[in-house]
């Protein structure tokens, strides 16, 4: 899929049987072709969000958002800095393209 003319790949970890290793492999394959990739996560738990982002996803698709305030709270978990998530030096991916 990374060799196609798609603008972005979306890995559906909510409805498909992706585990962390599968997601890691797919993100790595997409990044090898400079294909942006987002992950549809199965829930909005901190560990789920952080795993998807630490794998190198360019973004995440959030399920089951109830309202704007809920969306703000969940999105805030995804950012570093004041009241956001802490620093994780283990992320191996950097932006490889402009």
Protein backbone atom coordinates (compact mmCIF):
# COMPACT_ATOMS: atom_id res chain seq x y z
CA UNK A 1 0.00 0.00 0.00
CA UNK A 2 2.92 2.35 0.60
CA UNK A 3 3.73 2.16 -3.12
CA UNK A 4 0.32 3.51 -4.18
CA UNK A 5 -0.77 7.07 -4.90
CA UNK A 6 -2.75 7.28 -1.66
CA UNK A 7 -2.23 10.42 0.41
CA UNK A 8 -2.15 8.54 3.71
CA UNK A 9 -2.59 5.02 5.08
CA UNK A 10 -4.95 4.36 7.96
CA UNK A 11 -4.25 1.21 9.98
CA UNK A 12 -7.51 0.20 11.66
CA UNK A 13 -6.47 -1.24 15.02
CA UNK A 14 -10.02 -0.91 16.32
CA UNK A 15 -11.77 -3.26 13.89
CA UNK A 16 -8.88 -5.35 12.55
CA UNK A 17 -6.72 -7.83 14.49
CA UNK A 18 -3.56 -5.68 14.65
CA UNK A 19 -1.32 -6.18 17.65
CA UNK A 20 1.58 -3.89 18.55
CA UNK A 21 4.08 -5.91 16.50
CA UNK A 22 1.81 -5.83 13.43
CA UNK A 23 1.36 -2.07 13.76
CA UNK A 24 5.10 -1.62 14.18
CA UNK A 25 5.80 -3.57 10.99
CA UNK A 26 3.16 -1.67 9.00
CA UNK A 27 4.35 1.74 10.22
CA UNK A 28 7.93 0.80 9.38
CA UNK A 29 6.90 -0.30 5.88
CA UNK A 30 4.96 2.92 5.28
CA UNK A 31 7.83 5.07 6.55
CA UNK A 32 10.29 3.24 4.30
CA UNK A 33 8.35 4.68 1.34
CA UNK A 34 7.72 8.07 2.98
CA UNK A 35 4.00 7.30 3.17
CA UNK A 36 2.18 9.10 5.99
CA UNK A 37 0.35 6.68 8.26
CA UNK A 38 -2.30 7.12 10.94
CA UNK A 39 -3.60 4.50 13.35
CA UNK A 40 -7.25 4.16 14.31
CA UNK A 41 -6.84 3.14 17.94
CA UNK A 42 -9.32 0.83 19.69
CA UNK A 43 -9.74 3.11 22.72
CA UNK A 44 -8.47 6.34 24.24
CA UNK A 45 -6.49 4.85 27.13
CA UNK A 46 -3.14 6.55 27.71
CA UNK A 47 -1.15 3.40 26.94
CA UNK A 48 -3.00 2.84 23.66
CA UNK A 49 -2.46 6.42 22.50
CA UNK A 50 1.18 6.48 23.54
CA UNK A 51 1.94 3.13 21.88
CA UNK A 52 0.51 4.29 18.56
CA UNK A 53 2.41 7.57 18.64
CA UNK A 54 5.64 6.00 19.89
CA UNK A 55 5.55 3.55 16.97
CA UNK A 56 5.91 6.57 14.71
CA UNK A 57 2.37 7.11 13.45
CA UNK A 58 1.87 10.56 11.96
CA UNK A 59 -1.44 10.74 13.76
CA UNK A 60 -4.24 8.76 15.32
CA UNK A 61 -7.93 8.42 14.64
CA UNK A 62 -9.88 8.55 17.90
CA UNK A 63 -12.94 6.36 18.42
CA UNK A 64 -16.01 6.99 20.52
CA UNK A 65 -15.55 10.71 21.15
CA UNK A 66 -18.61 11.97 23.02
CA UNK A 67 -18.31 15.75 22.67
CA UNK A 68 -15.85 18.60 22.13
CA UNK A 69 -14.61 18.59 25.74
CA UNK A 70 -13.96 14.87 25.60
CA UNK A 71 -12.02 15.37 22.36
CA UNK A 72 -9.91 18.12 23.95
CA UNK A 73 -9.04 15.92 26.93
CA UNK A 74 -8.02 13.00 24.74
CA UNK A 75 -6.01 15.11 22.30
CA UNK A 76 -4.17 16.75 25.21
CA UNK A 77 -2.91 13.31 26.27
CA UNK A 78 -1.09 13.07 22.94
CA UNK A 79 1.10 16.16 23.30
CA UNK A 80 4.25 16.83 25.27
CA UNK A 81 4.56 19.77 27.62
CA UNK A 82 2.52 21.26 30.43
CA UNK A 83 -0.34 18.96 31.34
CA UNK A 84 0.47 16.74 28.37
CA UNK A 85 2.23 13.42 28.24
CA UNK A 86 5.78 13.05 29.46
CA UNK A 87 8.85 12.69 27.32
CA UNK A 88 9.53 9.25 25.89
CA UNK A 89 13.00 8.97 24.44
CA UNK A 90 12.31 5.55 22.97
CA UNK A 91 10.58 6.68 19.79
CA UNK A 92 12.80 5.56 16.97
CA UNK A 93 11.16 7.46 14.12
CA UNK A 94 11.78 11.01 13.04
CA UNK A 95 10.19 12.83 10.15
CA UNK A 96 12.04 11.53 7.12
CA UNK A 97 10.50 13.74 4.48
CA UNK A 98 9.58 17.38 3.99
